[in-house]
């Protein structure tokens, strides 16, 4: 027994990658709009600095290095890392347990500079 509800059949509409992507985009947009521009700028600069080092890193490393403070809400990390990835500053390196105790070592993305960091 897993303690989770187990269904013997796939319920139509429960697995919908397009709907999942739309929800992700909406959530990222909402988080970005709620982010203070000064924090976003500081986060972008910290990501660029870490990218130039050429070593794998995750959001927790920006705090550990003293480059930035915590955002007002954890969801505000995603839009900054997404923007840096789309700009070619970073690329996905791997998935690792988070270094942050507050998220109980949940899986998070680890990034590395793409060699294009300004």
Protein backbone atom coordinates (compact mmCIF):
# COMPACT_ATOMS: atom_id res chain seq x y z
CA UNK A 1 0.00 0.00 0.00
CA UNK A 2 1.46 3.34 -1.04
CA UNK A 3 -0.87 5.62 0.88
CA UNK A 4 -1.77 7.32 -2.40
CA UNK A 5 -4.94 6.99 -4.39
CA UNK A 6 -4.24 4.50 -7.17
CA UNK A 7 -6.49 4.43 -10.22
CA UNK A 8 -6.72 1.35 -12.41
CA UNK A 9 -7.43 3.44 -15.50
CA UNK A 10 -6.15 6.70 -16.93
CA UNK A 11 -8.84 9.32 -16.50
CA UNK A 12 -9.16 11.33 -19.74
CA UNK A 13 -7.71 14.81 -19.34
CA UNK A 14 -5.50 14.00 -16.34
CA UNK A 15 -2.39 13.63 -18.49
CA UNK A 16 -2.19 16.64 -20.75
CA UNK A 17 1.31 17.96 -21.50
CA UNK A 18 -0.02 21.00 -23.38
CA UNK A 19 -2.19 22.02 -20.43
CA UNK A 20 0.77 21.50 -18.11
CA UNK A 21 2.97 23.75 -20.24
CA UNK A 22 0.26 26.43 -20.31
CA UNK A 23 -0.05 26.29 -16.52
CA UNK A 24 3.73 26.53 -16.15
CA UNK A 25 3.89 29.56 -18.45
CA UNK A 26 1.04 31.27 -16.59
CA UNK A 27 2.70 30.60 -13.23
CA UNK A 28 6.08 31.85 -14.40
CA UNK A 29 4.49 35.00 -15.81
CA UNK A 30 2.65 35.65 -12.56
CA UNK A 31 5.83 35.09 -10.51
CA UNK A 32 7.86 37.39 -12.77
CA UNK A 33 5.26 40.15 -12.48
CA UNK A 34 5.36 39.87 -8.67
CA UNK A 35 9.17 40.14 -8.55
CA UNK A 36 10.79 43.40 -7.49
CA UNK A 37 12.87 44.72 -10.42
CA UNK A 38 15.85 45.35 -8.12
CA UNK A 39 15.86 41.71 -6.96
CA UNK A 40 15.43 40.46 -10.55
CA UNK A 41 18.39 42.57 -11.73
CA UNK A 42 20.56 41.39 -8.84
CA UNK A 43 19.58 37.77 -9.49
CA UNK A 44 20.39 38.09 -13.20
CA UNK A 45 23.82 39.52 -12.36
CA UNK A 46 24.46 36.70 -9.87
CA UNK A 47 23.49 34.06 -12.45
CA UNK A 48 25.84 35.64 -15.01
CA UNK A 49 28.68 35.65 -12.47
CA UNK A 50 28.14 32.00 -11.56
CA UNK A 51 27.88 31.10 -15.25
CA UNK A 52 31.25 32.68 -15.98
CA UNK A 53 32.87 30.45 -13.34
CA UNK A 54 32.08 27.41 -15.49
CA UNK A 55 31.03 25.23 -12.55
CA UNK A 56 27.62 23.62 -11.96
CA UNK A 57 25.37 25.62 -9.63
CA UNK A 58 21.82 25.90 -8.35
CA UNK A 59 19.83 28.75 -6.84
CA UNK A 60 21.04 27.95 -3.32
CA UNK A 61 24.61 28.64 -4.39
CA UNK A 62 23.76 32.25 -5.23
CA UNK A 63 22.69 32.73 -1.61
CA UNK A 64 25.60 30.74 -0.15
CA UNK A 65 28.05 32.86 -2.15
CA UNK A 66 26.44 36.01 -0.75
CA UNK A 67 25.47 37.22 -4.22
CA UNK A 68 21.78 37.66 -3.52
CA UNK A 69 19.15 37.40 -0.80
CA UNK A 70 16.14 35.10 -0.85
CA UNK A 71 13.32 36.28 -3.11
CA UNK A 72 9.98 37.27 -1.62
CA UNK A 73 8.61 33.92 -2.86
CA UNK A 74 10.46 30.79 -4.01
CA UNK A 75 8.56 30.80 -7.32
CA UNK A 76 10.49 33.92 -8.31
CA UNK A 77 13.67 31.91 -9.00
CA UNK A 78 12.21 30.11 -12.01
CA UNK A 79 11.62 33.10 -14.28
CA UNK A 80 15.16 34.40 -13.69
CA UNK A 81 16.83 31.07 -14.48
CA UNK A 82 14.47 30.58 -17.43
CA UNK A 83 15.37 33.99 -18.86
CA UNK A 84 19.09 33.26 -18.46
CA UNK A 85 18.69 29.90 -20.21
CA UNK A 86 16.71 31.44 -23.10
CA UNK A 87 19.38 34.16 -23.42
CA UNK A 88 22.07 31.47 -23.72
CA UNK A 89 23.84 32.45 -20.49
CA UNK A 90 23.27 29.05 -18.83
CA UNK A 91 22.19 25.58 -19.82
CA UNK A 92 20.79 22.66 -17.86
CA UNK A 93 23.59 20.56 -16.39
CA UNK A 94 21.72 17.98 -14.31
CA UNK A 95 19.04 17.34 -11.72
CA UNK A 96 20.29 17.07 -8.13
CA UNK A 97 18.83 17.24 -4.65
CA UNK A 98 18.47 20.84 -3.57
CA UNK A 99 21.02 22.12 -1.08
CA UNK A 100 18.30 24.13 0.67
CA UNK A 101 16.94 22.63 3.89
CA UNK A 102 13.64 24.43 3.43
CA UNK A 103 12.73 22.22 0.46
CA UNK A 104 13.82 18.96 2.10
CA UNK A 105 16.39 18.10 -0.61
CA UNK A 106 13.76 17.94 -3.33
CA UNK A 107 15.06 17.57 -6.88
CA UNK A 108 16.09 20.81 -8.56
CA UNK A 109 17.90 21.84 -11.69
CA UNK A 110 21.63 22.38 -11.62
CA UNK A 111 22.90 24.83 -14.22
CA UNK A 112 26.24 25.58 -15.84
CA UNK A 113 27.44 28.50 -17.94
CA UNK A 114 27.01 28.01 -21.66
CA UNK A 115 30.19 29.89 -22.46
CA UNK A 116 28.08 32.77 -23.73
CA UNK A 117 27.78 34.67 -20.45
CA UNK A 118 28.37 38.42 -20.89
